[in-house]
């Protein structure tokens, strides 16, 4: 797998969510409000790296994208 040199994410393209710290669900905010799903990452636990996301294709954090499918127009 080819990676881009990026300091914040180390070339993975993903960062641990800074709001839920990867917890995903039942997240408590600083104001003691409890969210069923993290509003920042939408319960995925990760966020796209804003520094390098424009330079490469988006993949899932575990590199399991599945097969490539082509659409016929």
PDB file of N, CA and C in Angstrom:
ATOM      1  N   UNK A   1       0.841  -1.168   0.000  1.00  0.00           N
ATOM      2  CA  UNK A   1       0.000   0.000   0.000  1.00  0.00           C
ATOM      3  C   UNK A   1       0.891   1.238   0.000  1.00  0.00           C
ATOM      4  N   UNK A   2       0.564   2.181  -0.835  1.00  0.00           N
ATOM      5  CA  UNK A   2       1.317   3.418  -0.935  1.00  0.00           C
ATOM      6  C   UNK A   2       0.779   4.439   0.052  1.00  0.00           C
ATOM      7  N   UNK A   3       1.665   5.116   0.753  1.00  0.00           N
ATOM      8  CA  UNK A   3       1.232   6.105   1.733  1.00  0.00           C
ATOM      9  C   UNK A   3       1.873   7.454   1.451  1.00  0.00           C
ATOM     10  N   UNK A   4       1.164   8.493   1.816  1.00  0.00           N
ATOM     11  CA  UNK A   4       1.652   9.851   1.679  1.00  0.00           C
ATOM     12  C   UNK A   4       2.288  10.250   3.008  1.00  0.00           C
ATOM     13  N   UNK A   5       3.425  10.924   2.957  1.00  0.00           N
ATOM     14  CA  UNK A   5       4.063  11.374   4.184  1.00  0.00           C
ATOM     15  C   UNK A   5       3.245  12.512   4.779  1.00  0.00           C
ATOM     16  N   UNK A   6       2.635  12.254   5.899  1.00  0.00           N
ATOM     17  CA  UNK A   6       1.791  13.248   6.574  1.00  0.00           C
ATOM     18  C   UNK A   6       2.076  13.155   8.069  1.00  0.00           C
ATOM     19  N   UNK A   7       2.441  14.266   8.660  1.00  0.00           N
ATOM     20  CA  UNK A   7       2.803  14.263  10.075  1.00  0.00           C
ATOM     21  C   UNK A   7       1.634  13.941  11.016  1.00  0.00           C
ATOM     22  N   UNK A   8       0.446  14.551  10.847  1.00  0.00           N
ATOM     23  CA  UNK A   8      -0.642  14.276  11.803  1.00  0.00           C
ATOM     24  C   UNK A   8      -1.110  12.824  11.824  1.00  0.00           C
ATOM     25  N   UNK A   9      -1.260  12.199  10.662  1.00  0.00           N
ATOM     26  CA  UNK A   9      -1.831  10.839  10.631  1.00  0.00           C
ATOM     27  C   UNK A   9      -0.805   9.758  10.332  1.00  0.00           C
ATOM     28  N   UNK A  10       0.410  10.127  10.016  1.00  0.00           N
ATOM     29  CA  UNK A  10       1.438   9.134   9.708  1.00  0.00           C
ATOM     30  C   UNK A  10       1.219   8.456   8.368  1.00  0.00           C
ATOM     31  N   UNK A  11       0.432   9.078   7.490  1.00  0.00           N
ATOM     32  CA  UNK A  11       0.198   8.534   6.164  1.00  0.00           C
ATOM     33  C   UNK A  11      -0.981   7.584   6.063  1.00  0.00           C
ATOM     34  N   UNK A  12      -1.715   7.364   7.151  1.00  0.00           N
ATOM     35  CA  UNK A  12      -2.859   6.459   7.094  1.00  0.00           C
ATOM     36  C   UNK A  12      -4.100   7.137   6.535  1.00  0.00           C
ATOM     37  N   UNK A  13      -4.187   8.466   6.666  1.00  0.00           N
ATOM     38  CA  UNK A  13      -5.359   9.200   6.189  1.00  0.00           C
ATOM     39  C   UNK A  13      -6.442   9.328   7.240  1.00  0.00           C
ATOM     40  N   UNK A  14      -6.254   8.713   8.394  1.00  0.00           N
ATOM     41  CA  UNK A  14      -7.262   8.719   9.458  1.00  0.00           C
ATOM     42  C   UNK A  14      -6.652   9.170  10.777  1.00  0.00           C
ATOM     43  N   UNK A  15      -7.455   9.860  11.586  1.00  0.00           N
ATOM     44  CA  UNK A  15      -7.070  10.282  12.928  1.00  0.00           C
ATOM     45  C   UNK A  15      -8.110   9.787  13.915  1.00  0.00           C
ATOM     46  N   UNK A  16      -7.677   9.453  15.122  1.00  0.00           N
ATOM     47  CA  UNK A  16      -8.610   9.076  16.167  1.00  0.00           C
ATOM     48  C   UNK A  16      -9.486  10.284  16.482  1.00  0.00           C
ATOM     49  N   UNK A  17     -10.773  10.076  16.607  1.00  0.00           N
ATOM     50  CA  UNK A  17     -11.702  11.177  16.870  1.00  0.00           C
ATOM     51  C   UNK A  17     -11.317  11.878  18.166  1.00  0.00           C
ATOM     52  N   UNK A  18     -11.158  13.200  18.088  1.00  0.00           N
ATOM     53  CA  UNK A  18     -10.742  13.949  19.269  1.00  0.00           C
ATOM     54  C   UNK A  18     -11.891  14.206  20.246  1.00  0.00           C
ATOM     55  N   UNK A  19     -13.123  13.993  19.818  1.00  0.00           N
ATOM     56  CA  UNK A  19     -14.267  14.205  20.704  1.00  0.00           C
ATOM     57  C   UNK A  19     -14.543  12.966  21.556  1.00  0.00           C
ATOM     58  N   UNK A  20     -14.623  11.797  20.922  1.00  0.00           N
ATOM     59  CA  UNK A  20     -14.958  10.572  21.660  1.00  0.00           C
ATOM     60  C   UNK A  20     -13.748   9.701  21.971  1.00  0.00           C
ATOM     61  N   UNK A  21     -12.585  10.032  21.413  1.00  0.00           N
ATOM     62  CA  UNK A  21     -11.346   9.266  21.617  1.00  0.00           C
ATOM     63  C   UNK A  21     -11.515   7.803  21.212  1.00  0.00           C
ATOM     64  N   UNK A  22     -12.348   7.575  20.185  1.00  0.00           N
ATOM     65  CA  UNK A  22     -12.554   6.225  19.673  1.00  0.00           C
ATOM     66  C   UNK A  22     -13.635   5.437  20.381  1.00  0.00           C
ATOM     67  N   UNK A  23     -14.307   6.035  21.357  1.00  0.00           N
ATOM     68  CA  UNK A  23     -15.347   5.336  22.114  1.00  0.00           C
ATOM     69  C   UNK A  23     -16.599   5.080  21.273  1.00  0.00           C
ATOM     70  N   UNK A  24     -16.922   5.947  20.355  1.00  0.00           N
ATOM     71  CA  UNK A  24     -18.015   5.851  19.381  1.00  0.00           C
ATOM     72  C   UNK A  24     -19.412   6.099  19.948  1.00  0.00           C
ATOM     73  N   UNK A  25     -19.829   5.396  20.975  1.00  0.00           N
ATOM     74  CA  UNK A  25     -21.192   5.528  21.485  1.00  0.00           C
ATOM     75  C   UNK A  25     -21.185   5.895  22.964  1.00  0.00           C
ATOM     76  N   UNK A  26     -22.309   6.437  23.406  1.00  0.00           N
ATOM     77  CA  UNK A  26     -22.485   6.879  24.791  1.00  0.00           C
ATOM     78  C   UNK A  26     -21.328   7.784  25.236  1.00  0.00           C
ATOM     79  N   UNK A  27     -21.143   8.850  24.479  1.00  0.00           N
ATOM     80  CA  UNK A  27     -20.033   9.775  24.692  1.00  0.00           C
ATOM     81  C   UNK A  27     -20.503  10.941  25.557  1.00  0.00           C
ATOM     82  N   UNK A  28     -19.729  11.258  26.581  1.00  0.00           N
ATOM     83  CA  UNK A  28     -20.055  12.357  27.485  1.00  0.00           C
ATOM     84  C   UNK A  28     -19.219  13.581  27.107  1.00  0.00           C
ATOM     85  N   UNK A  29     -19.892  14.712  26.908  1.00  0.00           N
ATOM     86  CA  UNK A  29     -19.196  15.952  26.546  1.00  0.00           C
ATOM     87  C   UNK A  29     -18.700  16.661  27.798  1.00  0.00           C
ATOM     88  N   UNK A  30     -17.953  17.758  27.594  1.00  0.00           N
ATOM     89  CA  UNK A  30     -17.437  18.535  28.721  1.00  0.00           C
ATOM     90  C   UNK A  30     -18.559  19.178  29.535  1.00  0.00           C
ATOM     91  N   UNK A  31     -19.718  19.393  28.911  1.00  0.00           N
ATOM     92  CA  UNK A  31     -20.865  19.976  29.610  1.00  0.00           C
ATOM     93  C   UNK A  31     -21.763  18.895  30.215  1.00  0.00           C
ATOM     94  N   UNK A  32     -21.251  17.665  30.289  1.00  0.00           N
ATOM     95  CA  UNK A  32     -21.944  16.501  30.865  1.00  0.00           C
ATOM     96  C   UNK A  32     -23.152  16.035  30.062  1.00  0.00           C
ATOM     97  N   UNK A  33     -23.270  16.467  28.830  1.00  0.00           N
ATOM     98  CA  UNK A  33     -24.318  15.951  27.960  1.00  0.00           C
ATOM     99  C   UNK A  33     -23.844  14.617  27.389  1.00  0.00           C
ATOM    100  N   UNK A  34     -24.725  13.628  27.377  1.00  0.00           N
ATOM    101  CA  UNK A  34     -24.369  12.306  26.871  1.00  0.00           C
ATOM    102  C   UNK A  34     -24.979  12.123  25.485  1.00  0.00           C
ATOM    103  N   UNK A  35     -24.128  11.776  24.523  1.00  0.00           N
ATOM    104  CA  UNK A  35     -24.566  11.523  23.151  1.00  0.00           C
ATOM    105  C   UNK A  35     -24.613  10.022  22.919  1.00  0.00           C
ATOM    106  N   UNK A  36     -25.714   9.547  22.350  1.00  0.00           N
ATOM    107  CA  UNK A  36     -25.826   8.120  22.032  1.00  0.00           C
ATOM    108  C   UNK A  36     -24.792   7.725  20.993  1.00  0.00           C
ATOM    109  N   UNK A  37     -24.607   8.587  19.981  1.00  0.00           N
ATOM    110  CA  UNK A  37     -23.571   8.409  18.956  1.00  0.00           C
ATOM    111  C   UNK A  37     -22.725   9.665  18.923  1.00  0.00           C
ATOM    112  N   UNK A  38     -21.432   9.513  18.744  1.00  0.00           N
ATOM    113  CA  UNK A  38     -20.541  10.673  18.697  1.00  0.00           C
ATOM    114  C   UNK A  38     -20.955  11.597  17.546  1.00  0.00           C
ATOM    115  N   UNK A  39     -21.205  12.874  17.827  1.00  0.00           N
ATOM    116  CA  UNK A  39     -21.618  13.798  16.768  1.00  0.00           C
ATOM    117  C   UNK A  39     -20.475  14.199  15.835  1.00  0.00           C
ATOM    118  N   UNK A  40     -19.261  14.028  16.271  1.00  0.00           N
ATOM    119  CA  UNK A  40     -18.117  14.431  15.468  1.00  0.00           C
ATOM    120  C   UNK A  40     -17.762  13.393  14.403  1.00  0.00           C
ATOM    121  N   UNK A  41     -17.636  12.138  14.804  1.00  0.00           N
ATOM    122  CA  UNK A  41     -17.242  11.080  13.857  1.00  0.00           C
ATOM    123  C   UNK A  41     -18.414  10.206  13.431  1.00  0.00           C
ATOM    124  N   UNK A  42     -19.602  10.481  13.964  1.00  0.00           N
ATOM    125  CA  UNK A  42     -20.814   9.700  13.680  1.00  0.00           C
ATOM    126  C   UNK A  42     -20.626   8.228  14.025  1.00  0.00           C
ATOM    127  N   UNK A  43     -20.024   7.989  15.168  1.00  0.00           N
ATOM    128  CA  UNK A  43     -19.838   6.656  15.747  1.00  0.00           C
ATOM    129  C   UNK A  43     -18.934   5.747  14.927  1.00  0.00           C
ATOM    130  N   UNK A  44     -17.941   6.325  14.255  1.00  0.00           N
ATOM    131  CA  UNK A  44     -16.953   5.486  13.578  1.00  0.00           C
ATOM    132  C   UNK A  44     -15.656   5.415  14.367  1.00  0.00           C
ATOM    133  N   UNK A  45     -15.402   6.409  15.210  1.00  0.00           N
ATOM    134  CA  UNK A  45     -14.195   6.433  16.016  1.00  0.00           C
ATOM    135  C   UNK A  45     -13.009   7.110  15.346  1.00  0.00           C
ATOM    136  N   UNK A  46     -13.125   7.372  14.036  1.00  0.00           N
ATOM    137  CA  UNK A  46     -12.039   7.991  13.283  1.00  0.00           C
ATOM    138  C   UNK A  46     -12.555   9.165  12.473  1.00  0.00           C
ATOM    139  N   UNK A  47     -11.650  10.085  12.143  1.00  0.00           N
ATOM    140  CA  UNK A  47     -11.943  11.219  11.267  1.00  0.00           C
ATOM    141  C   UNK A  47     -10.924  11.235  10.140  1.00  0.00           C
ATOM    142  N   UNK A  48     -11.342  11.701   8.969  1.00  0.00           N
ATOM    143  CA  UNK A  48     -10.393  11.852   7.871  1.00  0.00           C
ATOM    144  C   UNK A  48      -9.367  12.914   8.226  1.00  0.00           C
ATOM    145  N   UNK A  49      -8.132  12.669   7.894  1.00  0.00           N
ATOM    146  CA  UNK A  49      -7.084  13.651   8.130  1.00  0.00           C
ATOM    147  C   UNK A  49      -7.320  14.827   7.194  1.00  0.00           C
ATOM    148  N   UNK A  50      -7.507  16.003   7.762  1.00  0.00           N
ATOM    149  CA  UNK A  50      -7.817  17.173   6.944  1.00  0.00           C
ATOM    150  C   UNK A  50      -6.599  17.671   6.161  1.00  0.00           C
ATOM    151  N   UNK A  51      -5.411  17.255   6.569  1.00  0.00           N
ATOM    152  CA  UNK A  51      -4.208  17.721   5.889  1.00  0.00           C
ATOM    153  C   UNK A  51      -3.943  16.960   4.594  1.00  0.00           C
ATOM    154  N   UNK A  52      -4.183  15.653   4.565  1.00  0.00           N
ATOM    155  CA  UNK A  52      -3.790  14.878   3.387  1.00  0.00           C
ATOM    156  C   UNK A  52      -4.949  14.218   2.646  1.00  0.00           C
ATOM    157  N   UNK A  53      -6.197  14.376   3.078  1.00  0.00           N
ATOM    158  CA  UNK A  53      -7.309  13.665   2.440  1.00  0.00           C
ATOM    159  C   UNK A  53      -7.523  14.046   0.976  1.00  0.00           C
ATOM    160  N   UNK A  54      -7.069  15.204   0.560  1.00  0.00           N
ATOM    161  CA  UNK A  54      -7.278  15.624  -0.817  1.00  0.00           C
ATOM    162  C   UNK A  54      -6.263  15.015  -1.780  1.00  0.00           C
ATOM    163  N   UNK A  55      -5.212  14.391  -1.262  1.00  0.00           N
ATOM    164  CA  UNK A  55      -4.145  13.869  -2.108  1.00  0.00           C
ATOM    165  C   UNK A  55      -4.240  12.390  -2.415  1.00  0.00           C
ATOM    166  N   UNK A  56      -5.215  11.675  -1.859  1.00  0.00           N
ATOM    167  CA  UNK A  56      -5.297  10.237  -2.100  1.00  0.00           C
ATOM    168  C   UNK A  56      -6.734   9.765  -2.048  1.00  0.00           C
ATOM    169  N   UNK A  57      -6.943   8.555  -2.488  1.00  0.00           N
ATOM    170  CA  UNK A  57      -8.272   7.959  -2.421  1.00  0.00           C
ATOM    171  C   UNK A  57      -8.606   7.660  -0.963  1.00  0.00           C
ATOM    172  N   UNK A  58      -9.872   7.697  -0.644  1.00  0.00           N
ATOM    173  CA  UNK A  58     -10.309   7.418   0.717  1.00  0.00           C
ATOM    174  C   UNK A  58     -10.484   5.915   0.895  1.00  0.00           C
ATOM    175  N   UNK A  59      -9.890   5.375   1.932  1.00  0.00           N
ATOM    176  CA  UNK A  59     -10.073   3.975   2.289  1.00  0.00           C
ATOM    177  C   UNK A  59     -10.533   3.892   3.727  1.00  0.00           C
ATOM    178  N   UNK A  60     -11.055   2.761   4.124  1.00  0.00           N
ATOM    179  CA  UNK A  60     -11.454   2.570   5.505  1.00  0.00           C
ATOM    180  C   UNK A  60     -10.221   2.318   6.351  1.00  0.00           C
ATOM    181  N   UNK A  61     -10.277   2.652   7.655  1.00  0.00           N
ATOM    182  CA  UNK A  61      -9.098   2.514   8.505  1.00  0.00           C
ATOM    183  C   UNK A  61      -8.490   1.117   8.523  1.00  0.00           C
ATOM    184  N   UNK A  62      -9.278   0.079   8.311  1.00  0.00           N
ATOM    185  CA  UNK A  62      -8.734  -1.277   8.351  1.00  0.00           C
ATOM    186  C   UNK A  62      -8.354  -1.793   6.965  1.00  0.00           C
ATOM    187  N   UNK A  63      -8.314  -0.929   5.963  1.00  0.00           N
ATOM    188  CA  UNK A  63      -7.893  -1.253   4.591  1.00  0.00           C
ATOM    189  C   UNK A  63      -8.765  -2.305   3.908  1.00  0.00           C
ATOM    190  N   UNK A  64      -9.982  -2.517   4.359  1.00  0.00           N
ATOM    191  CA  UNK A  64     -10.879  -3.483   3.732  1.00  0.00           C
ATOM    192  C   UNK A  64     -11.939  -2.746   2.921  1.00  0.00           C
ATOM    193  N   UNK A  65     -11.613  -2.431   1.693  1.00  0.00           N
ATOM    194  CA  UNK A  65     -12.544  -1.709   0.829  1.00  0.00           C
ATOM    195  C   UNK A  65     -13.449  -2.634   0.041  1.00  0.00           C
ATOM    196  N   UNK A  66     -13.080  -3.864  -0.091  1.00  0.00           N
ATOM    197  CA  UNK A  66     -13.849  -4.780  -0.916  1.00  0.00           C
ATOM    198  C   UNK A  66     -13.379  -4.707  -2.363  1.00  0.00           C
ATOM    199  N   UNK A  67     -14.143  -5.323  -3.233  1.00  0.00           N
ATOM    200  CA  UNK A  67     -13.779  -5.370  -4.638  1.00  0.00           C
ATOM    201  C   UNK A  67     -14.127  -4.058  -5.345  1.00  0.00           C
ATOM    202  N   UNK A  68     -13.383  -3.755  -6.378  1.00  0.00           N
ATOM    203  CA  UNK A  68     -13.670  -2.578  -7.187  1.00  0.00           C
ATOM    204  C   UNK A  68     -14.804  -2.922  -8.139  1.00  0.00           C
ATOM    205  N   UNK A  69     -15.804  -2.062  -8.193  1.00  0.00           N
ATOM    206  CA  UNK A  69     -16.946  -2.285  -9.055  1.00  0.00           C
ATOM    207  C   UNK A  69     -17.050  -1.126 -10.043  1.00  0.00           C
ATOM    208  N   UNK A  70     -17.298  -1.446 -11.299  1.00  0.00           N
ATOM    209  CA  UNK A  70     -17.441  -0.427 -12.322  1.00  0.00           C
ATOM    210  C   UNK A  70     -18.892  -0.306 -12.720  1.00  0.00           C
ATOM    211  N   UNK A  71     -19.336   0.908 -12.944  1.00  0.00           N
ATOM    212  CA  UNK A  71     -20.707   1.156 -13.362  1.00  0.00           C
ATOM    213  C   UNK A  71     -20.734   1.433 -14.856  1.00  0.00           C
ATOM    214  N   UNK A  72     -21.690   0.869 -15.540  1.00  0.00           N
ATOM    215  CA  UNK A  72     -21.883   1.115 -16.950  1.00  0.00           C
ATOM    216  C   UNK A  72     -22.979   2.146 -17.108  1.00  0.00           C
ATOM    217  N   UNK A  73     -22.673   3.217 -17.799  1.00  0.00           N
ATOM    218  CA  UNK A  73     -23.676   4.281 -17.982  1.00  0.00           C
ATOM    219  C   UNK A  73     -24.422   4.113 -19.282  1.00  0.00           C
TER     220      UNK A  73
END
